[in-house]
């Protein structure tokens, strides 16, 4: 790993060098710039140091909520070793060794450890998105996350609570959020429900079945605007109608800006009286999460960053 990059600690005034952080430079390369920056950091960190939190979540390939700008590199290390003081690093100390693995040549905390550390700073919806992707990819299991939640560590209670909302059947972050929305509004749904015709033949598989009805609620992302996908969707819709099923498609904007319309549709399907106050748990959860500007600003303040406003990136968009 150390042979992959030329790294200089100090000041470099020559061309062909990239500034990684204060007093740390690496030679320019055509390889993955972010990974190379992390490799450069790894060469000056103590031997106990391991990448963790959102840095490790991204390396594990987990779905990420919208993030504030200029996040630090999150590192965990032993209290017995000298803590590096760099503004680009957020260092957490531990008294006992933590479980680690190797990802793309980097020493990284395991998924269970990553979610436990993230639970210190992130809200329920953020943890569900991270957890659903880890479960869906087979990187962990609910029982392993619950074991992590029984440790006497910050974030343990929040992680344990979040596990109860996770479901590895989710196939996208916004599908996860659509499922949580329904549950918080008291609407029972079953993910990845298979619809069959009168003869038992396959008709379609739906994101969410509103149980007790013949209605599917689904997340319609950008992929559904592709011409080929749109044609397939139309064929699928006709098959559903022929089997006396219906579907409603919703977007991220529906969830974040007009969730009452989704609730009204579900209330109509279930034949129950529409009550706007059923939205309260969802609205509260969104405001606490990184899916809101308030939530991103809250995390930025916690980490000592400038307030973020619009997010720089999101794998959940």
Protein backbone atom coordinates (compact mmCIF):
# COMPACT_ATOMS: atom_id res chain seq x y z
CA UNK A 1 0.00 0.00 0.00
CA UNK A 2 2.76 2.44 0.90
CA UNK A 3 4.49 1.85 -2.42
CA UNK A 4 1.46 3.02 -4.39
CA UNK A 5 2.01 6.71 -3.62
CA UNK A 6 4.81 9.18 -3.08
CA UNK A 7 3.87 11.19 0.01
CA UNK A 8 5.59 14.23 1.49
CA UNK A 9 5.00 15.59 4.96
CA UNK A 10 5.83 19.28 4.92
CA UNK A 11 5.61 21.81 2.10
CA UNK A 12 5.92 21.10 -1.63
CA UNK A 13 6.24 23.96 -4.11
CA UNK A 14 6.77 21.87 -7.25
CA UNK A 15 4.21 21.02 -9.88
CA UNK A 16 2.82 17.51 -10.05
CA UNK A 17 1.91 17.35 -6.35
CA UNK A 18 -1.54 17.43 -4.77
CA UNK A 19 -2.26 18.93 -1.36
CA UNK A 20 -4.14 16.36 0.73
CA UNK A 21 -4.25 18.36 3.95
CA UNK A 22 -2.24 20.67 6.12
CA UNK A 23 1.42 19.72 5.62
CA UNK A 24 0.57 16.58 3.60
CA UNK A 25 1.11 16.17 -0.15
CA UNK A 26 0.99 13.27 -2.57
CA UNK A 27 2.18 13.01 -6.13
CA UNK A 28 -0.56 13.55 -8.74
CA UNK A 29 -1.97 10.37 -10.24
CA UNK A 30 -4.70 9.26 -12.62
CA UNK A 31 -6.02 6.81 -10.01
CA UNK A 32 -9.08 7.40 -7.80
CA UNK A 33 -8.25 10.75 -6.18
CA UNK A 34 -10.32 10.20 -3.02
CA UNK A 35 -8.81 6.77 -2.37
CA UNK A 36 -5.33 8.15 -2.98
CA UNK A 37 -5.95 10.93 -0.44
CA UNK A 38 -7.01 8.33 2.13
CA UNK A 39 -3.95 6.22 1.34
CA UNK A 40 -1.82 9.32 1.92
CA UNK A 41 -3.44 9.92 5.30
CA UNK A 42 -2.92 6.27 6.25
CA UNK A 43 0.82 6.66 5.82
CA UNK A 44 1.10 9.31 8.55
CA UNK A 45 -1.52 8.00 11.00
CA UNK A 46 -0.62 5.87 14.05
CA UNK A 47 -0.61 2.09 13.66
CA UNK A 48 -3.89 1.77 15.61
CA UNK A 49 -5.74 4.20 13.33
CA UNK A 50 -8.70 2.95 11.30
CA UNK A 51 -11.09 4.77 8.98
CA UNK A 52 -14.62 4.90 10.38
CA UNK A 53 -17.96 6.79 10.45
CA UNK A 54 -19.10 8.30 7.10
CA UNK A 55 -15.62 7.93 5.57
CA UNK A 56 -15.78 4.18 6.06
CA UNK A 57 -19.47 4.04 5.10
CA UNK A 58 -18.59 5.42 1.67
CA UNK A 59 -15.72 2.93 1.28
CA UNK A 60 -18.07 0.06 2.12
CA UNK A 61 -20.34 1.31 -0.67
CA UNK A 62 -23.29 2.13 1.58
CA UNK A 63 -26.04 4.49 0.45
CA UNK A 64 -25.33 7.91 1.88
CA UNK A 65 -27.80 10.59 2.93
CA UNK A 66 -27.17 14.17 1.74
CA UNK A 67 -23.95 15.34 3.38
CA UNK A 68 -22.65 18.73 4.53
CA UNK A 69 -19.79 20.22 2.55
CA UNK A 70 -16.16 19.58 3.49
CA UNK A 71 -16.65 16.62 5.79
CA UNK A 72 -13.46 15.60 7.62
CA UNK A 73 -11.80 12.22 7.30
CA UNK A 74 -13.14 10.19 10.22
CA UNK A 75 -10.51 8.17 12.09
CA UNK A 76 -10.64 5.99 15.18
CA UNK A 77 -7.47 5.23 17.12
CA UNK A 78 -6.17 4.03 20.46
CA UNK A 79 -6.00 6.45 23.37
CA UNK A 80 -2.50 5.19 24.03
CA UNK A 81 -1.08 6.73 20.85
CA UNK A 82 -0.50 10.40 20.09
CA UNK A 83 -3.46 12.01 18.40
CA UNK A 84 -2.63 13.68 15.07
CA UNK A 85 -3.76 17.30 14.99
CA UNK A 86 -4.94 18.15 11.50
CA UNK A 87 -8.05 20.23 10.72
CA UNK A 88 -9.01 17.74 7.99
CA UNK A 89 -9.22 14.85 10.48
CA UNK A 90 -11.94 14.01 13.00
CA UNK A 91 -10.29 11.64 15.47
CA UNK A 92 -12.19 9.43 17.90
CA UNK A 93 -10.30 7.63 20.65
CA UNK A 94 -10.99 4.11 21.93
CA UNK A 95 -9.71 2.13 24.89
CA UNK A 96 -10.26 -1.30 23.35
CA UNK A 97 -9.34 -2.52 19.85
CA UNK A 98 -12.23 -2.31 17.38
CA UNK A 99 -13.08 -4.77 14.62
CA UNK A 100 -11.53 -3.88 11.28
CA UNK A 101 -11.37 -5.12 7.71
CA UNK A 102 -9.59 -4.18 4.49
CA UNK A 103 -11.43 -2.28 1.76
CA UNK A 104 -9.57 -1.23 -1.39
CA UNK A 105 -6.24 -1.48 0.40
CA UNK A 106 -7.36 0.64 3.36
CA UNK A 107 -7.84 -0.34 6.99
CA UNK A 108 -11.52 0.27 7.68
CA UNK A 109 -13.89 -0.40 10.57
CA UNK A 110 -16.40 -3.20 10.02
CA UNK A 111 -19.91 -2.28 8.92
CA UNK A 112 -21.31 -2.94 12.41
CA UNK A 113 -18.70 -0.64 13.96
CA UNK A 114 -19.31 2.00 11.29
CA UNK A 115 -23.06 2.10 11.97
CA UNK A 116 -22.48 2.20 15.72
CA UNK A 117 -20.13 5.20 15.38
CA UNK A 118 -22.46 6.93 12.89
CA UNK A 119 -25.29 6.51 15.41
CA UNK A 120 -23.50 9.04 17.66
CA UNK A 121 -24.17 11.83 15.19
CA UNK A 122 -26.86 10.78 12.71
CA UNK A 123 -30.63 10.59 13.00
CA UNK A 124 -33.01 7.67 12.52
CA UNK A 125 -33.66 8.16 8.79
CA UNK A 126 -29.93 8.47 8.06
CA UNK A 127 -29.18 5.24 9.93
CA UNK A 128 -32.01 3.38 8.20
CA UNK A 129 -30.65 4.33 4.77
CA UNK A 130 -27.14 3.21 5.74
CA UNK A 131 -28.44 0.05 7.40
CA UNK A 132 -30.79 -0.97 4.60
CA UNK A 133 -27.96 -0.78 2.09
CA UNK A 134 -25.65 -2.84 4.32
CA UNK A 135 -28.34 -5.49 4.77
CA UNK A 136 -29.27 -5.47 1.09
CA UNK A 137 -25.62 -5.97 0.11
CA UNK A 138 -25.19 -8.82 2.60
CA UNK A 139 -22.49 -6.95 4.53
CA UNK A 140 -24.17 -7.57 7.88
CA UNK A 141 -27.35 -8.95 9.44
CA UNK A 142 -29.85 -7.48 11.93
CA UNK A 143 -28.63 -9.77 14.71
CA UNK A 144 -25.07 -8.56 14.23
CA UNK A 145 -26.19 -4.94 14.41
CA UNK A 146 -28.13 -5.68 17.59
CA UNK A 147 -25.00 -7.19 19.13
CA UNK A 148 -23.17 -3.96 18.30
CA UNK A 149 -26.04 -2.03 19.88
CA UNK A 150 -25.56 -3.89 23.17
CA UNK A 151 -22.07 -2.48 23.64
CA UNK A 152 -21.67 0.25 26.21
CA UNK A 153 -20.80 2.88 23.64
CA UNK A 154 -22.20 6.20 22.50
CA UNK A 155 -24.77 5.60 19.81
CA UNK A 156 -25.71 2.11 21.00
CA UNK A 157 -29.31 3.00 21.92
CA UNK A 158 -29.84 4.93 18.68
CA UNK A 159 -28.50 2.03 16.60
CA UNK A 160 -30.71 -0.49 18.40
CA UNK A 161 -33.76 1.65 17.73
CA UNK A 162 -32.83 2.09 14.06
CA UNK A 163 -32.41 -1.66 13.50
CA UNK A 164 -36.13 -2.08 14.15
CA UNK A 165 -36.84 0.19 11.17
CA UNK A 166 -34.35 -1.42 8.76
CA UNK A 167 -35.24 -3.87 6.01
CA UNK A 168 -32.73 -5.48 3.65
CA UNK A 169 -35.36 -5.95 0.95
CA UNK A 170 -35.10 -2.28 0.02
CA UNK A 171 -33.50 -1.68 -3.37
CA UNK A 172 -32.80 2.06 -3.13
CA UNK A 173 -32.44 4.73 -0.43
CA UNK A 174 -35.64 6.54 -1.42
CA UNK A 175 -37.53 3.26 -1.41
CA UNK A 176 -36.31 2.87 2.18
CA UNK A 177 -37.61 6.31 3.07
CA UNK A 178 -40.96 5.64 1.38
CA UNK A 179 -41.32 2.51 3.50
CA UNK A 180 -40.48 4.35 6.72
CA UNK A 181 -42.92 7.12 5.79
CA UNK A 182 -45.77 4.61 5.54
CA UNK A 183 -44.89 2.96 8.84
CA UNK A 184 -44.64 6.28 10.65
CA UNK A 185 -48.07 7.25 9.30
CA UNK A 186 -49.59 3.99 10.53
CA UNK A 187 -49.88 2.40 7.09
CA UNK A 188 -48.94 -1.27 6.94
CA UNK A 189 -46.84 -2.15 3.88
CA UNK A 190 -44.92 -5.17 2.65
CA UNK A 191 -41.74 -4.56 0.63
CA UNK A 192 -41.05 -6.34 -2.65
CA UNK A 193 -44.50 -7.90 -2.87
CA UNK A 194 -45.02 -10.32 -5.77
CA UNK A 195 -48.35 -9.88 -7.60
CA UNK A 196 -49.72 -12.96 -9.36
CA UNK A 197 -52.67 -13.45 -11.69
CA UNK A 198 -55.68 -15.76 -11.19
CA UNK A 199 -53.66 -18.71 -12.48
CA UNK A 200 -50.75 -17.97 -10.14
CA UNK A 201 -48.55 -16.54 -12.87
CA UNK A 202 -46.13 -13.71 -12.20
CA UNK A 203 -47.46 -10.23 -12.92
CA UNK A 204 -45.10 -7.82 -11.17
CA UNK A 205 -43.02 -7.22 -8.08
CA UNK A 206 -43.88 -4.00 -6.26
CA UNK A 207 -41.77 -1.80 -3.99
CA UNK A 208 -44.47 -1.60 -1.33
CA UNK A 209 -47.82 -3.36 -1.07
CA UNK A 210 -50.39 -1.44 0.96
CA UNK A 211 -51.55 -4.50 2.87
CA UNK A 212 -55.23 -5.30 2.76
CA UNK A 213 -55.60 -3.64 -0.65
CA UNK A 214 -54.76 -4.22 -4.30
CA UNK A 215 -52.51 -1.16 -4.43
CA UNK A 216 -48.75 -0.81 -4.81
CA UNK A 217 -46.90 2.32 -3.73
CA UNK A 218 -43.51 2.71 -5.42
CA UNK A 219 -40.58 5.06 -5.69
CA UNK A 220 -40.15 6.40 -9.22
CA UNK A 221 -36.61 7.70 -9.60
CA UNK A 222 -34.76 9.15 -12.56
CA UNK A 223 -34.26 5.71 -14.11
CA UNK A 224 -37.98 5.59 -14.89
CA UNK A 225 -37.57 8.56 -17.24
CA UNK A 226 -35.35 6.51 -19.51
CA UNK A 227 -37.25 5.73 -22.74
CA UNK A 228 -36.69 1.96 -22.62
CA UNK A 229 -37.61 1.77 -18.93
CA UNK A 230 -40.69 3.91 -19.53
CA UNK A 231 -41.92 1.47 -22.20
CA UNK A 232 -41.37 -1.45 -19.81
CA UNK A 233 -43.24 0.42 -17.08
CA UNK A 234 -46.25 0.92 -19.36
CA UNK A 235 -46.37 -2.80 -20.16
CA UNK A 236 -46.13 -3.57 -16.44
CA UNK A 237 -48.93 -1.13 -15.61
CA UNK A 238 -51.20 -2.83 -18.16
CA UNK A 239 -50.45 -6.25 -16.65
CA UNK A 240 -51.35 -4.93 -13.20
CA UNK A 241 -54.62 -3.43 -14.44
CA UNK A 242 -55.53 -6.69 -16.15
CA UNK A 243 -55.12 -8.43 -12.79
CA UNK A 244 -57.21 -5.73 -11.06
CA UNK A 245 -54.20 -4.18 -9.31
CA UNK A 246 -53.11 -0.52 -9.32
CA UNK A 247 -49.93 1.34 -8.55
CA UNK A 248 -48.98 4.85 -7.55
CA UNK A 249 -45.51 6.18 -8.15
CA UNK A 250 -43.89 8.81 -5.95
CA UNK A 251 -40.73 10.88 -6.20
CA UNK A 252 -38.25 12.26 -3.68
CA UNK A 253 -39.97 15.63 -4.02
CA UNK A 254 -43.30 14.05 -3.04
CA UNK A 255 -41.74 12.64 0.13
CA UNK A 256 -39.92 15.78 1.13
CA UNK A 257 -42.23 18.57 -0.07
CA UNK A 258 -45.74 17.16 -0.33
CA UNK A 259 -46.00 14.08 1.90
CA UNK A 260 -49.65 14.86 2.68
CA UNK A 261 -50.57 13.81 -0.86
CA UNK A 262 -49.09 10.35 -0.24
CA UNK A 263 -50.91 10.06 3.06
CA UNK A 264 -54.19 11.17 1.47
CA UNK A 265 -53.81 8.52 -1.25
CA UNK A 266 -53.15 5.81 1.33
CA UNK A 267 -56.09 6.91 3.50
CA UNK A 268 -58.34 6.74 0.44
CA UNK A 269 -57.05 3.25 -0.41
CA UNK A 270 -57.65 2.02 3.14
CA UNK A 271 -61.02 3.75 3.42
CA UNK A 272 -60.03 5.58 6.59
CA UNK A 273 -60.55 9.20 7.56
CA UNK A 274 -57.75 11.49 6.43
CA UNK A 275 -55.89 13.02 9.37
CA UNK A 276 -53.01 15.40 8.73
CA UNK A 277 -51.58 14.86 12.22
CA UNK A 278 -50.49 11.37 11.15
CA UNK A 279 -47.65 13.18 9.34
CA UNK A 280 -46.15 14.53 12.58
CA UNK A 281 -43.71 11.65 13.24
CA UNK A 282 -42.47 11.78 9.63
CA UNK A 283 -42.01 15.55 9.59
CA UNK A 284 -40.10 15.37 12.87
CA UNK A 285 -37.87 12.56 11.59
CA UNK A 286 -37.05 14.47 8.39
CA UNK A 287 -36.17 17.66 10.27
CA UNK A 288 -33.74 15.72 12.48
CA UNK A 289 -32.06 13.98 9.55
CA UNK A 290 -29.52 14.89 6.90
CA UNK A 291 -32.40 14.98 4.42
CA UNK A 292 -33.17 18.47 5.72
CA UNK A 293 -31.04 21.62 5.71
CA UNK A 294 -31.59 21.88 9.46
CA UNK A 295 -30.23 18.40 10.00
CA UNK A 296 -27.16 19.04 7.85
CA UNK A 297 -26.48 22.30 9.67
CA UNK A 298 -26.84 20.50 12.99
CA UNK A 299 -24.21 17.95 11.99
CA UNK A 300 -21.94 20.68 10.59
CA UNK A 301 -22.07 22.55 13.91
CA UNK A 302 -21.42 19.32 15.82
CA UNK A 303 -18.34 18.67 13.70
CA UNK A 304 -17.17 22.28 13.80
CA UNK A 305 -17.87 22.93 10.11
CA UNK A 306 -19.52 25.96 8.49
CA UNK A 307 -23.29 25.59 8.21
CA UNK A 308 -23.88 23.66 5.02
CA UNK A 309 -27.06 24.91 3.32
CA UNK A 310 -27.54 22.88 0.12
CA UNK A 311 -25.79 19.54 0.32
CA UNK A 312 -22.67 18.83 -1.70
CA UNK A 313 -23.60 15.28 -2.62
CA UNK A 314 -26.02 12.50 -1.88
CA UNK A 315 -26.09 8.89 -2.96
CA UNK A 316 -29.75 8.94 -1.98
CA UNK A 317 -30.89 11.47 -4.55
